[in-house]
Amino acid sequence: KWECRRDSLYLAYQMDPKLEAAALELGKELSQKKLFSDALTVYTLYFKNNGKDFEARFNFAIALAETKRFQEAYKQFNYVLQHNRDKLQHPLYVRTFVKYLMANNQLQVARQLITQTRRSNKRAAFFLEKELQQIDSRLKTSS
């Protein structure tokens, strides 16, 4: 049943890119089911067709990170941060991505993201302090 629904939504969107809601729904469902490779296919097509949804872009970045495509994930994630600065979810996006980076041993990138966020906002002086300490500790022991 799920495969049929997935295929139907994907085919509908492929045939008519104006059915943006189908792509958004399918990408979100695939991400929630942790079918990240399938989610990448949907999100790649969605953004190729000039999709603009920030949550979709964030889910795309997570799917890229989950499939170990960190450079591309970082690019997508930065896009979300640069174009979504005033939104309340900004700290959530950063925190989530730092978690993914740390879990996949991308410590330098995670450290850079934390310090960049701190520099961009005076109220964020101690943002993700615990994570930054863990990163610094892990970097020291690996050198």
N, C-alpha and C. Protein backbone atom coordinates (compact mmCIF):
# COMPACT_ATOMS: atom_id res chain seq x y z
N LYS A 1 0.83 -1.20 0.00
CA LYS A 1 0.00 0.00 0.00
C LYS A 1 0.87 1.25 0.00
N TRP A 2 1.87 1.31 0.89
CA TRP A 2 2.74 2.49 0.97
C TRP A 2 3.49 2.70 -0.35
N GLU A 3 4.01 1.62 -0.93
CA GLU A 3 4.77 1.74 -2.17
C GLU A 3 3.89 2.30 -3.30
N CYS A 4 2.66 1.87 -3.34
CA CYS A 4 1.72 2.36 -4.35
C CYS A 4 1.48 3.86 -4.17
N ARG A 5 1.26 4.27 -2.94
CA ARG A 5 1.05 5.70 -2.64
C ARG A 5 2.29 6.50 -3.01
N ARG A 6 3.46 5.99 -2.62
CA ARG A 6 4.71 6.68 -2.92
C ARG A 6 4.88 6.85 -4.42
N ASP A 7 4.68 5.76 -5.15
CA ASP A 7 4.86 5.81 -6.61
C ASP A 7 3.86 6.75 -7.26
N SER A 8 2.63 6.74 -6.77
CA SER A 8 1.59 7.61 -7.33
C SER A 8 1.92 9.08 -7.12
N LEU A 9 2.32 9.43 -5.91
CA LEU A 9 2.67 10.83 -5.62
C LEU A 9 3.87 11.27 -6.47
N TYR A 10 4.86 10.41 -6.58
CA TYR A 10 6.05 10.77 -7.34
C TYR A 10 5.73 10.94 -8.83
N LEU A 11 4.97 10.01 -9.38
CA LEU A 11 4.59 10.11 -10.79
C LEU A 11 3.73 11.35 -11.05
N ALA A 12 2.83 11.64 -10.14
CA ALA A 12 1.98 12.82 -10.31
C ALA A 12 2.85 14.08 -10.36
N TYR A 13 3.81 14.17 -9.48
CA TYR A 13 4.67 15.35 -9.45
C TYR A 13 5.58 15.40 -10.67
N GLN A 14 6.08 14.26 -11.10
CA GLN A 14 6.93 14.22 -12.30
C GLN A 14 6.16 14.72 -13.52
N MET A 15 4.91 14.31 -13.61
CA MET A 15 4.09 14.69 -14.76
C MET A 15 3.64 16.15 -14.71
N ASP A 16 3.44 16.66 -13.49
CA ASP A 16 2.97 18.03 -13.35
C ASP A 16 3.64 18.69 -12.15
N PRO A 17 4.76 19.40 -12.40
CA PRO A 17 5.49 20.05 -11.31
C PRO A 17 4.66 21.07 -10.52
N LYS A 18 3.49 21.45 -11.04
CA LYS A 18 2.62 22.36 -10.30
C LYS A 18 2.00 21.67 -9.09
N LEU A 19 2.09 20.35 -9.06
CA LEU A 19 1.56 19.59 -7.91
C LEU A 19 2.62 19.55 -6.80
N GLU A 20 3.05 20.73 -6.43
CA GLU A 20 4.11 20.88 -5.44
C GLU A 20 3.76 20.19 -4.11
N ALA A 21 2.51 20.25 -3.73
CA ALA A 21 2.08 19.66 -2.46
C ALA A 21 2.36 18.15 -2.44
N ALA A 22 2.24 17.50 -3.59
CA ALA A 22 2.52 16.06 -3.66
C ALA A 22 3.99 15.79 -3.35
N ALA A 23 4.87 16.60 -3.91
CA ALA A 23 6.30 16.42 -3.66
C ALA A 23 6.63 16.69 -2.20
N LEU A 24 6.06 17.76 -1.65
CA LEU A 24 6.33 18.10 -0.25
C LEU A 24 5.84 17.01 0.69
N GLU A 25 4.65 16.50 0.43
CA GLU A 25 4.09 15.44 1.26
C GLU A 25 4.92 14.17 1.16
N LEU A 26 5.28 13.81 -0.06
CA LEU A 26 6.05 12.58 -0.27
C LEU A 26 7.45 12.70 0.35
N GLY A 27 8.12 13.81 0.12
CA GLY A 27 9.45 14.00 0.70
C GLY A 27 9.44 13.92 2.22
N LYS A 28 8.44 14.55 2.81
CA LYS A 28 8.32 14.54 4.27
C LYS A 28 8.05 13.12 4.79
N GLU A 29 7.14 12.41 4.13
CA GLU A 29 6.84 11.03 4.55
C GLU A 29 8.06 10.13 4.41
N LEU A 30 8.78 10.25 3.31
CA LEU A 30 9.97 9.43 3.11
C LEU A 30 11.02 9.73 4.18
N SER A 31 11.18 11.00 4.50
CA SER A 31 12.14 11.39 5.54
C SER A 31 11.73 10.83 6.89
N GLN A 32 10.44 10.92 7.22
CA GLN A 32 9.95 10.39 8.49
C GLN A 32 10.13 8.89 8.58
N LYS A 33 10.02 8.21 7.44
CA LYS A 33 10.20 6.76 7.42
C LYS A 33 11.69 6.37 7.30
N LYS A 34 12.54 7.40 7.29
CA LYS A 34 13.99 7.22 7.19
C LYS A 34 14.41 6.55 5.88
N LEU A 35 13.64 6.80 4.83
CA LEU A 35 13.97 6.33 3.49
C LEU A 35 14.67 7.48 2.77
N PHE A 36 15.88 7.78 3.23
CA PHE A 36 16.56 9.00 2.82
C PHE A 36 16.98 9.00 1.35
N SER A 37 17.36 7.85 0.80
CA SER A 37 17.72 7.82 -0.62
C SER A 37 16.51 8.16 -1.49
N ASP A 38 15.36 7.61 -1.13
CA ASP A 38 14.13 7.94 -1.87
C ASP A 38 13.76 9.41 -1.68
N ALA A 39 13.94 9.91 -0.48
CA ALA A 39 13.65 11.32 -0.21
C ALA A 39 14.55 12.22 -1.07
N LEU A 40 15.80 11.82 -1.24
CA LEU A 40 16.71 12.61 -2.07
C LEU A 40 16.20 12.72 -3.50
N THR A 41 15.68 11.63 -4.02
CA THR A 41 15.15 11.64 -5.39
C THR A 41 14.02 12.66 -5.51
N VAL A 42 13.13 12.64 -4.54
CA VAL A 42 11.99 13.56 -4.57
C VAL A 42 12.46 15.01 -4.41
N TYR A 43 13.29 15.25 -3.41
CA TYR A 43 13.73 16.62 -3.16
C TYR A 43 14.60 17.16 -4.30
N THR A 44 15.40 16.31 -4.91
CA THR A 44 16.21 16.76 -6.04
C THR A 44 15.32 17.25 -7.16
N LEU A 45 14.28 16.50 -7.48
CA LEU A 45 13.34 16.91 -8.51
C LEU A 45 12.59 18.18 -8.09
N TYR A 46 12.19 18.23 -6.83
CA TYR A 46 11.46 19.39 -6.32
C TYR A 46 12.28 20.67 -6.48
N PHE A 47 13.55 20.64 -6.09
CA PHE A 47 14.37 21.85 -6.18
C PHE A 47 14.82 22.13 -7.62
N LYS A 48 14.92 21.09 -8.43
CA LYS A 48 15.19 21.29 -9.86
C LYS A 48 14.04 22.07 -10.50
N ASN A 49 12.83 21.87 -9.97
CA ASN A 49 11.64 22.58 -10.46
C ASN A 49 11.40 23.88 -9.68
N ASN A 50 12.46 24.43 -9.09
CA ASN A 50 12.42 25.72 -8.39
C ASN A 50 11.58 25.71 -7.12
N GLY A 51 11.56 24.60 -6.42
CA GLY A 51 10.87 24.55 -5.13
C GLY A 51 11.49 25.53 -4.16
N LYS A 52 10.66 26.08 -3.27
CA LYS A 52 11.12 27.14 -2.36
C LYS A 52 10.89 26.83 -0.88
N ASP A 53 10.29 25.73 -0.55
CA ASP A 53 9.89 25.45 0.82
C ASP A 53 11.12 25.22 1.72
N PHE A 54 11.19 25.97 2.84
CA PHE A 54 12.35 25.87 3.73
C PHE A 54 12.39 24.55 4.49
N GLU A 55 11.24 24.06 4.91
CA GLU A 55 11.22 22.77 5.61
C GLU A 55 11.69 21.66 4.67
N ALA A 56 11.28 21.74 3.41
CA ALA A 56 11.73 20.75 2.43
C ALA A 56 13.24 20.86 2.24
N ARG A 57 13.75 22.07 2.18
CA ARG A 57 15.20 22.25 2.01
C ARG A 57 15.95 21.70 3.23
N PHE A 58 15.39 21.92 4.41
CA PHE A 58 16.01 21.39 5.63
C PHE A 58 15.98 19.86 5.62
N ASN A 59 14.83 19.27 5.26
CA ASN A 59 14.73 17.81 5.18
C ASN A 59 15.67 17.26 4.10
N PHE A 60 15.85 18.02 3.03
CA PHE A 60 16.79 17.64 1.97
C PHE A 60 18.21 17.59 2.54
N ALA A 61 18.57 18.61 3.32
CA ALA A 61 19.90 18.63 3.94
C ALA A 61 20.10 17.44 4.87
N ILE A 62 19.08 17.11 5.64
CA ILE A 62 19.18 15.96 6.54
C ILE A 62 19.33 14.67 5.75
N ALA A 63 18.56 14.52 4.68
CA ALA A 63 18.67 13.32 3.84
C ALA A 63 20.07 13.22 3.24
N LEU A 64 20.61 14.34 2.82
CA LEU A 64 21.98 14.34 2.29
C LEU A 64 22.98 13.93 3.37
N ALA A 65 22.81 14.46 4.57
CA ALA A 65 23.71 14.11 5.67
C ALA A 65 23.58 12.63 6.02
N GLU A 66 22.36 12.13 6.05
CA GLU A 66 22.13 10.72 6.38
C GLU A 66 22.74 9.78 5.35
N THR A 67 22.88 10.25 4.14
CA THR A 67 23.49 9.43 3.09
C THR A 67 24.97 9.80 2.90
N LYS A 68 25.52 10.47 3.89
CA LYS A 68 26.95 10.80 3.97
C LYS A 68 27.42 11.77 2.88
N ARG A 69 26.52 12.59 2.39
CA ARG A 69 26.87 13.59 1.38
C ARG A 69 26.96 14.95 2.09
N PHE A 70 27.98 15.07 2.94
CA PHE A 70 28.08 16.21 3.86
C PHE A 70 28.31 17.54 3.18
N GLN A 71 29.11 17.56 2.13
CA GLN A 71 29.37 18.85 1.44
C GLN A 71 28.06 19.42 0.89
N GLU A 72 27.29 18.56 0.24
CA GLU A 72 26.01 19.01 -0.32
C GLU A 72 25.02 19.37 0.79
N ALA A 73 25.04 18.58 1.86
CA ALA A 73 24.15 18.86 2.99
C ALA A 73 24.48 20.23 3.59
N TYR A 74 25.74 20.49 3.77
CA TYR A 74 26.17 21.76 4.34
C TYR A 74 25.72 22.92 3.45
N LYS A 75 25.84 22.76 2.14
CA LYS A 75 25.40 23.79 1.19
C LYS A 75 23.90 24.06 1.33
N GLN A 76 23.11 23.00 1.38
CA GLN A 76 21.66 23.15 1.52
C GLN A 76 21.29 23.75 2.87
N PHE A 77 21.97 23.28 3.89
CA PHE A 77 21.70 23.79 5.22
C PHE A 77 22.04 25.27 5.33
N ASN A 78 23.16 25.66 4.75
CA ASN A 78 23.53 27.08 4.76
C ASN A 78 22.50 27.93 4.02
N TYR A 79 21.96 27.39 2.95
CA TYR A 79 20.92 28.11 2.21
C TYR A 79 19.74 28.39 3.13
N VAL A 80 19.32 27.37 3.88
CA VAL A 80 18.20 27.55 4.82
C VAL A 80 18.54 28.64 5.84
N LEU A 81 19.73 28.57 6.39
CA LEU A 81 20.12 29.55 7.41
C LEU A 81 20.19 30.97 6.85
N GLN A 82 20.75 31.12 5.66
CA GLN A 82 20.91 32.45 5.07
C GLN A 82 19.57 33.08 4.68
N HIS A 83 18.63 32.26 4.26
CA HIS A 83 17.36 32.79 3.77
C HIS A 83 16.24 32.70 4.81
N ASN A 84 16.57 32.25 5.98
CA ASN A 84 15.55 32.03 7.01
C ASN A 84 16.00 32.61 8.35
N ARG A 85 16.85 33.62 8.30
CA ARG A 85 17.49 34.16 9.52
C ARG A 85 16.51 34.63 10.58
N ASP A 86 15.42 35.22 10.19
CA ASP A 86 14.52 35.83 11.17
C ASP A 86 13.48 34.87 11.72
N LYS A 87 13.50 33.67 11.26
CA LYS A 87 12.50 32.71 11.72
C LYS A 87 12.88 32.12 13.07
N LEU A 88 11.88 31.78 13.85
CA LEU A 88 12.12 31.23 15.18
C LEU A 88 12.83 29.88 15.14
N GLN A 89 12.71 29.15 14.05
CA GLN A 89 13.28 27.82 13.99
C GLN A 89 14.79 27.82 13.72
N HIS A 90 15.37 28.96 13.47
CA HIS A 90 16.79 29.04 13.17
C HIS A 90 17.65 28.25 14.16
N PRO A 91 17.51 28.45 15.48
CA PRO A 91 18.32 27.66 16.43
C PRO A 91 18.05 26.16 16.33
N LEU A 92 16.82 25.78 16.06
CA LEU A 92 16.49 24.37 15.91
C LEU A 92 17.22 23.78 14.71
N TYR A 93 17.25 24.50 13.60
CA TYR A 93 17.94 24.04 12.41
C TYR A 93 19.43 23.82 12.71
N VAL A 94 20.05 24.81 13.35
CA VAL A 94 21.47 24.71 13.66
C VAL A 94 21.73 23.54 14.61
N ARG A 95 20.95 23.46 15.66
CA ARG A 95 21.14 22.38 16.64
C ARG A 95 21.00 21.00 15.98
N THR A 96 20.00 20.84 15.16
CA THR A 96 19.77 19.56 14.49
C THR A 96 20.93 19.21 13.58
N PHE A 97 21.39 20.18 12.81
CA PHE A 97 22.47 19.88 11.88
C PHE A 97 23.78 19.61 12.62
N VAL A 98 24.05 20.34 13.68
CA VAL A 98 25.25 20.08 14.47
C VAL A 98 25.22 18.65 15.02
N LYS A 99 24.04 18.23 15.47
CA LYS A 99 23.90 16.84 15.96
C LYS A 99 24.28 15.84 14.87
N TYR A 100 23.79 16.05 13.65
CA TYR A 100 24.12 15.15 12.54
C TYR A 100 25.61 15.18 12.23
N LEU A 101 26.17 16.35 12.22
CA LEU A 101 27.59 16.48 11.93
C LEU A 101 28.44 15.77 12.98
N MET A 102 28.09 15.96 14.24
CA MET A 102 28.85 15.32 15.32
C MET A 102 28.72 13.79 15.25
N ALA A 103 27.53 13.32 15.00
CA ALA A 103 27.30 11.87 14.93
C ALA A 103 28.09 11.23 13.78
N ASN A 104 28.39 12.02 12.77
CA ASN A 104 29.12 11.49 11.61
C ASN A 104 30.56 11.99 11.57
N ASN A 105 31.03 12.42 12.73
CA ASN A 105 32.43 12.81 12.93
C ASN A 105 32.89 13.95 12.03
N GLN A 106 31.98 14.82 11.69
CA GLN A 106 32.31 16.02 10.91
C GLN A 106 32.50 17.18 11.89
N LEU A 107 33.50 17.03 12.74
CA LEU A 107 33.67 17.92 13.89
C LEU A 107 34.09 19.34 13.49
N GLN A 108 34.97 19.46 12.53
CA GLN A 108 35.41 20.79 12.11
C GLN A 108 34.24 21.59 11.52
N VAL A 109 33.43 20.92 10.73
CA VAL A 109 32.28 21.60 10.12
C VAL A 109 31.29 22.01 11.20
N ALA A 110 31.04 21.12 12.17
CA ALA A 110 30.12 21.43 13.27
C ALA A 110 30.65 22.61 14.09
N ARG A 111 31.94 22.60 14.36
CA ARG A 111 32.55 23.69 15.12
C ARG A 111 32.40 25.02 14.38
N GLN A 112 32.67 24.98 13.10
CA GLN A 112 32.54 26.19 12.27
C GLN A 112 31.11 26.71 12.28
N LEU A 113 30.15 25.83 12.20
CA LEU A 113 28.74 26.23 12.19
C LEU A 113 28.35 26.89 13.51
N ILE A 114 28.81 26.33 14.63
CA ILE A 114 28.50 26.91 15.94
C ILE A 114 29.12 28.29 16.07
N THR A 115 30.39 28.42 15.71
CA THR A 115 31.05 29.71 15.86
C THR A 115 30.47 30.75 14.91
N GLN A 116 30.10 30.33 13.72
CA GLN A 116 29.45 31.23 12.76
C GLN A 116 28.12 31.73 13.31
N THR A 117 27.35 30.85 13.92
CA THR A 117 26.06 31.23 14.51
C THR A 117 26.27 32.19 15.67
N ARG A 118 27.26 31.92 16.49
CA ARG A 118 27.55 32.80 17.63
C ARG A 118 27.94 34.20 17.16
N ARG A 119 28.76 34.27 16.11
CA ARG A 119 29.19 35.57 15.60
C ARG A 119 28.04 36.36 15.00
N SER A 120 27.06 35.67 14.46
CA SER A 120 25.98 36.36 13.77
C SER A 120 24.91 36.90 14.72
N ASN A 121 24.97 36.53 16.00
CA ASN A 121 23.94 36.96 16.94
C ASN A 121 24.55 37.15 18.32
N LYS A 122 24.52 38.38 18.83
CA LYS A 122 25.11 38.68 20.13
C LYS A 122 24.47 37.88 21.26
N ARG A 123 23.19 37.56 21.12
CA ARG A 123 22.50 36.79 22.17
C ARG A 123 22.85 35.31 22.16
N ALA A 124 23.65 34.89 21.18
CA ALA A 124 23.99 33.47 21.05
C ALA A 124 25.41 33.17 21.52
N ALA A 125 25.92 33.97 22.43
CA ALA A 125 27.31 33.83 22.88
C ALA A 125 27.64 32.44 23.42
N PHE A 126 26.67 31.80 24.04
CA PHE A 126 26.93 30.47 24.61
C PHE A 126 26.07 29.39 23.94
N PHE A 127 25.63 29.68 22.74
CA PHE A 127 24.80 28.74 21.99
C PHE A 127 25.56 27.44 21.74
N LEU A 128 24.95 26.34 22.10
CA LEU A 128 25.52 25.00 21.94
C LEU A 128 26.88 24.86 22.63
N GLU A 129 26.99 25.45 23.80
CA GLU A 129 28.24 25.42 24.55
C GLU A 129 28.68 23.99 24.87
N LYS A 130 27.74 23.18 25.32
CA LYS A 130 28.07 21.78 25.66
C LYS A 130 28.60 21.04 24.43
N GLU A 131 27.93 21.22 23.30
CA GLU A 131 28.35 20.57 22.07
C GLU A 131 29.73 21.06 21.63
N LEU A 132 29.97 22.36 21.77
CA LEU A 132 31.27 22.91 21.39
C LEU A 132 32.38 22.33 22.26
N GLN A 133 32.12 22.19 23.53
CA GLN A 133 33.11 21.58 24.42
C GLN A 133 33.37 20.12 24.04
N GLN A 134 32.33 19.39 23.70
CA GLN A 134 32.49 18.00 23.27
C GLN A 134 33.31 17.93 21.97
N ILE A 135 33.03 18.82 21.06
CA ILE A 135 33.76 18.85 19.80
C ILE A 135 35.23 19.14 20.05
N ASP A 136 35.52 20.17 20.86
CA ASP A 136 36.91 20.52 21.16
C ASP A 136 37.63 19.36 21.83
N SER A 137 36.96 18.69 22.74
CA SER A 137 37.55 17.55 23.42
C SER A 137 37.87 16.42 22.43
N ARG A 138 36.92 16.14 21.55
CA ARG A 138 37.12 15.07 20.57
C ARG A 138 38.23 15.44 19.57
N LEU A 139 38.30 16.71 19.21
CA LEU A 139 39.36 17.14 18.29
C LEU A 139 40.73 17.04 18.93
N LYS A 140 40.82 17.36 20.21
CA LYS A 140 42.10 17.26 20.93
C LYS A 140 42.58 15.81 20.99
N THR A 141 41.66 14.90 21.32
CA THR A 141 42.05 13.50 21.45
C THR A 141 42.38 12.85 20.11
N SER A 142 41.85 13.41 19.02
CA SER A 142 42.15 12.82 17.70
C SER A 142 43.44 13.35 17.10
N SER A 143 44.01 14.43 17.69
CA SER A 143 45.25 14.96 17.12
C SER A 143 46.48 14.46 17.81
